[in-house]
Amino acid sequence: MMNSFNDGIDKMLISKVACGDIPATVELGEIFYQQQRYGFATSLFMLASKHGDQKATERLADIDRIIHSYNKEQKANGESK
């Protein structure tokens, strides 16, 4: 049984990210994106995007759209942040 979301993440992948491996960084960002952990995903995608990774740049745009849509929905429902 997993104690947290991170227990299911391959330790080798985390090691690669720690060593600056950009494809691994995008892969880990994708895992967090799929888990809807957008804060972590954004941080990883921003790093990869700054190194020219196009998929990371596209995912940042996706996250921006998701957050914008959520904020717009909250505002329409009269809820404040």
N, C-alpha and C. Protein backbone atom coordinates (compact mmCIF):
# COMPACT_ATOMS: atom_id res chain seq x y z
N MET A 1 0.84 -1.18 0.00
CA MET A 1 0.00 0.00 0.00
C MET A 1 0.89 1.25 0.00
N MET A 2 0.55 2.21 -0.84
CA MET A 2 1.35 3.43 -0.94
C MET A 2 0.97 4.40 0.18
N ASN A 3 1.99 5.03 0.75
CA ASN A 3 1.75 6.01 1.80
C ASN A 3 1.48 7.39 1.22
N SER A 4 1.98 7.64 0.03
CA SER A 4 1.78 8.94 -0.59
C SER A 4 1.84 8.79 -2.10
N PHE A 5 1.49 9.87 -2.79
CA PHE A 5 1.57 9.85 -4.25
C PHE A 5 2.99 9.55 -4.72
N ASN A 6 3.97 10.08 -4.02
CA ASN A 6 5.36 9.97 -4.45
C ASN A 6 5.92 8.56 -4.33
N ASP A 7 5.32 7.71 -3.50
CA ASP A 7 5.82 6.34 -3.35
C ASP A 7 5.74 5.57 -4.66
N GLY A 8 4.82 5.93 -5.53
CA GLY A 8 4.65 5.24 -6.80
C GLY A 8 5.57 5.73 -7.90
N ILE A 9 6.40 6.71 -7.62
CA ILE A 9 7.30 7.28 -8.63
C ILE A 9 8.64 6.57 -8.58
N ASP A 10 9.11 6.15 -9.72
CA ASP A 10 10.38 5.44 -9.85
C ASP A 10 11.53 6.28 -9.29
N LYS A 11 12.26 5.70 -8.37
CA LYS A 11 13.38 6.41 -7.73
C LYS A 11 14.47 6.77 -8.74
N MET A 12 14.65 5.95 -9.76
CA MET A 12 15.64 6.24 -10.81
C MET A 12 15.24 7.50 -11.57
N LEU A 13 13.95 7.65 -11.83
CA LEU A 13 13.46 8.85 -12.51
C LEU A 13 13.75 10.09 -11.67
N ILE A 14 13.49 10.00 -10.39
CA ILE A 14 13.76 11.13 -9.49
C ILE A 14 15.25 11.45 -9.48
N SER A 15 16.10 10.43 -9.49
CA SER A 15 17.55 10.64 -9.53
C SER A 15 17.98 11.35 -10.81
N LYS A 16 17.39 10.95 -11.93
CA LYS A 16 17.72 11.59 -13.20
C LYS A 16 17.32 13.07 -13.19
N VAL A 17 16.15 13.35 -12.64
CA VAL A 17 15.70 14.74 -12.55
C VAL A 17 16.67 15.54 -11.68
N ALA A 18 17.08 14.95 -10.57
CA ALA A 18 18.02 15.63 -9.66
C ALA A 18 19.35 15.93 -10.34
N CYS A 19 19.71 15.12 -11.32
CA CYS A 19 20.97 15.32 -12.05
C CYS A 19 20.81 16.23 -13.27
N GLY A 20 19.61 16.76 -13.48
CA GLY A 20 19.40 17.71 -14.57
C GLY A 20 19.00 17.10 -15.90
N ASP A 21 18.55 15.87 -15.91
CA ASP A 21 18.11 15.20 -17.13
C ASP A 21 16.77 15.80 -17.56
N ILE A 22 16.77 16.56 -18.65
CA ILE A 22 15.56 17.27 -19.09
C ILE A 22 14.44 16.31 -19.54
N PRO A 23 14.72 15.28 -20.34
CA PRO A 23 13.63 14.36 -20.68
C PRO A 23 12.99 13.70 -19.44
N ALA A 24 13.80 13.38 -18.45
CA ALA A 24 13.27 12.82 -17.20
C ALA A 24 12.44 13.86 -16.46
N THR A 25 12.86 15.11 -16.53
CA THR A 25 12.12 16.19 -15.89
C THR A 25 10.73 16.32 -16.51
N VAL A 26 10.67 16.24 -17.83
CA VAL A 26 9.38 16.30 -18.53
C VAL A 26 8.53 15.08 -18.17
N GLU A 27 9.16 13.92 -18.10
CA GLU A 27 8.43 12.70 -17.75
C GLU A 27 7.83 12.80 -16.34
N LEU A 28 8.60 13.30 -15.39
CA LEU A 28 8.08 13.46 -14.04
C LEU A 28 6.98 14.53 -14.00
N GLY A 29 7.17 15.60 -14.76
CA GLY A 29 6.14 16.62 -14.86
C GLY A 29 4.84 16.04 -15.40
N GLU A 30 4.97 15.15 -16.37
CA GLU A 30 3.80 14.51 -16.96
C GLU A 30 3.07 13.64 -15.92
N ILE A 31 3.83 12.96 -15.08
CA ILE A 31 3.21 12.15 -14.02
C ILE A 31 2.40 13.05 -13.10
N PHE A 32 3.00 14.16 -12.66
CA PHE A 32 2.29 15.08 -11.79
C PHE A 32 1.09 15.71 -12.50
N TYR A 33 1.24 15.99 -13.78
CA TYR A 33 0.13 16.55 -14.57
C TYR A 33 -1.04 15.57 -14.58
N GLN A 34 -0.76 14.31 -14.83
CA GLN A 34 -1.81 13.29 -14.87
C GLN A 34 -2.48 13.13 -13.51
N GLN A 35 -1.73 13.37 -12.43
CA GLN A 35 -2.28 13.29 -11.07
C GLN A 35 -2.99 14.60 -10.68
N GLN A 36 -3.03 15.55 -11.59
CA GLN A 36 -3.61 16.88 -11.37
C GLN A 36 -2.90 17.63 -10.24
N ARG A 37 -1.61 17.41 -10.12
CA ARG A 37 -0.78 18.12 -9.15
C ARG A 37 -0.05 19.21 -9.94
N TYR A 38 -0.83 20.23 -10.31
CA TYR A 38 -0.37 21.23 -11.26
C TYR A 38 0.77 22.09 -10.75
N GLY A 39 0.87 22.32 -9.46
CA GLY A 39 1.97 23.11 -8.92
C GLY A 39 3.31 22.45 -9.17
N PHE A 40 3.40 21.16 -8.84
CA PHE A 40 4.64 20.42 -9.08
C PHE A 40 4.92 20.32 -10.58
N ALA A 41 3.88 20.00 -11.35
CA ALA A 41 4.05 19.87 -12.79
C ALA A 41 4.54 21.17 -13.41
N THR A 42 3.97 22.29 -12.98
CA THR A 42 4.36 23.59 -13.51
C THR A 42 5.84 23.86 -13.26
N SER A 43 6.30 23.58 -12.05
CA SER A 43 7.72 23.81 -11.73
C SER A 43 8.64 23.01 -12.64
N LEU A 44 8.30 21.75 -12.83
CA LEU A 44 9.14 20.89 -13.68
C LEU A 44 9.07 21.31 -15.14
N PHE A 45 7.87 21.61 -15.62
CA PHE A 45 7.72 22.03 -17.01
C PHE A 45 8.39 23.37 -17.27
N MET A 46 8.38 24.27 -16.29
CA MET A 46 9.05 25.56 -16.48
C MET A 46 10.55 25.35 -16.66
N LEU A 47 11.13 24.48 -15.85
CA LEU A 47 12.55 24.19 -15.96
C LEU A 47 12.87 23.61 -17.34
N ALA A 48 12.10 22.62 -17.76
CA ALA A 48 12.34 21.99 -19.06
C ALA A 48 12.09 22.97 -20.21
N SER A 49 11.08 23.81 -20.07
CA SER A 49 10.77 24.79 -21.10
C SER A 49 11.92 25.77 -21.29
N LYS A 50 12.54 26.16 -20.20
CA LYS A 50 13.68 27.08 -20.28
C LYS A 50 14.87 26.45 -21.00
N HIS A 51 14.87 25.12 -21.08
CA HIS A 51 15.91 24.40 -21.83
C HIS A 51 15.44 24.05 -23.24
N GLY A 52 14.32 24.64 -23.66
CA GLY A 52 13.86 24.49 -25.04
C GLY A 52 12.97 23.30 -25.32
N ASP A 53 12.48 22.62 -24.30
CA ASP A 53 11.63 21.46 -24.53
C ASP A 53 10.22 21.91 -24.94
N GLN A 54 9.81 21.57 -26.15
CA GLN A 54 8.52 22.02 -26.69
C GLN A 54 7.34 21.40 -25.97
N LYS A 55 7.43 20.11 -25.63
CA LYS A 55 6.32 19.45 -24.93
C LYS A 55 6.06 20.14 -23.59
N ALA A 56 7.13 20.52 -22.90
CA ALA A 56 6.98 21.21 -21.62
C ALA A 56 6.27 22.54 -21.81
N THR A 57 6.63 23.25 -22.86
CA THR A 57 5.99 24.54 -23.16
C THR A 57 4.50 24.34 -23.44
N GLU A 58 4.18 23.29 -24.17
CA GLU A 58 2.77 23.00 -24.47
C GLU A 58 2.00 22.64 -23.20
N ARG A 59 2.62 21.87 -22.33
CA ARG A 59 1.95 21.49 -21.07
C ARG A 59 1.73 22.71 -20.18
N LEU A 60 2.67 23.65 -20.18
CA LEU A 60 2.48 24.88 -19.41
C LEU A 60 1.24 25.63 -19.90
N ALA A 61 1.06 25.65 -21.22
CA ALA A 61 -0.12 26.30 -21.79
C ALA A 61 -1.39 25.54 -21.39
N ASP A 62 -1.32 24.21 -21.38
CA ASP A 62 -2.47 23.41 -20.95
C ASP A 62 -2.85 23.72 -19.51
N ILE A 63 -1.86 23.76 -18.64
CA ILE A 63 -2.11 24.05 -17.22
C ILE A 63 -2.70 25.44 -17.06
N ASP A 64 -2.17 26.40 -17.81
CA ASP A 64 -2.69 27.76 -17.75
C ASP A 64 -4.17 27.79 -18.14
N ARG A 65 -4.53 27.06 -19.19
CA ARG A 65 -5.93 27.00 -19.62
C ARG A 65 -6.81 26.35 -18.54
N ILE A 66 -6.31 25.28 -17.94
CA ILE A 66 -7.08 24.59 -16.89
C ILE A 66 -7.34 25.52 -15.72
N ILE A 67 -6.30 26.20 -15.27
CA ILE A 67 -6.43 27.10 -14.12
C ILE A 67 -7.34 28.28 -14.47
N HIS A 68 -7.18 28.83 -15.67
CA HIS A 68 -8.03 29.95 -16.09
C HIS A 68 -9.49 29.52 -16.14
N SER A 69 -9.74 28.35 -16.68
CA SER A 69 -11.10 27.83 -16.77
C SER A 69 -11.69 27.62 -15.37
N TYR A 70 -10.90 27.07 -14.47
CA TYR A 70 -11.36 26.85 -13.09
C TYR A 70 -11.68 28.18 -12.41
N ASN A 71 -10.78 29.15 -12.55
CA ASN A 71 -11.01 30.47 -11.94
C ASN A 71 -12.25 31.14 -12.52
N LYS A 72 -12.45 31.02 -13.82
CA LYS A 72 -13.62 31.60 -14.48
C LYS A 72 -14.90 30.94 -13.95
N GLU A 73 -14.85 29.63 -13.79
CA GLU A 73 -16.00 28.89 -13.27
C GLU A 73 -16.31 29.31 -11.82
N GLN A 74 -15.28 29.47 -11.02
CA GLN A 74 -15.47 29.89 -9.63
C GLN A 74 -16.11 31.28 -9.58
N LYS A 75 -15.63 32.16 -10.43
CA LYS A 75 -16.16 33.53 -10.47
C LYS A 75 -17.63 33.52 -10.90
N ALA A 76 -17.95 32.69 -11.89
CA ALA A 76 -19.33 32.60 -12.38
C ALA A 76 -20.27 32.05 -11.31
N ASN A 77 -19.73 31.21 -10.44
CA ASN A 77 -20.53 30.64 -9.35
C ASN A 77 -20.57 31.54 -8.12
N GLY A 78 -19.92 32.70 -8.22
CA GLY A 78 -19.92 33.65 -7.12
C GLY A 78 -18.99 33.30 -5.99
N GLU A 79 -18.07 32.38 -6.25
CA GLU A 79 -17.11 31.99 -5.22
C GLU A 79 -15.85 32.81 -5.38
N SER A 80 -15.23 33.13 -4.28
CA SER A 80 -13.96 33.86 -4.36
C SER A 80 -12.84 32.93 -3.94
N LYS A 81 -11.63 33.30 -4.35
CA LYS A 81 -10.45 32.48 -4.05
C LYS A 81 -10.03 32.68 -2.62
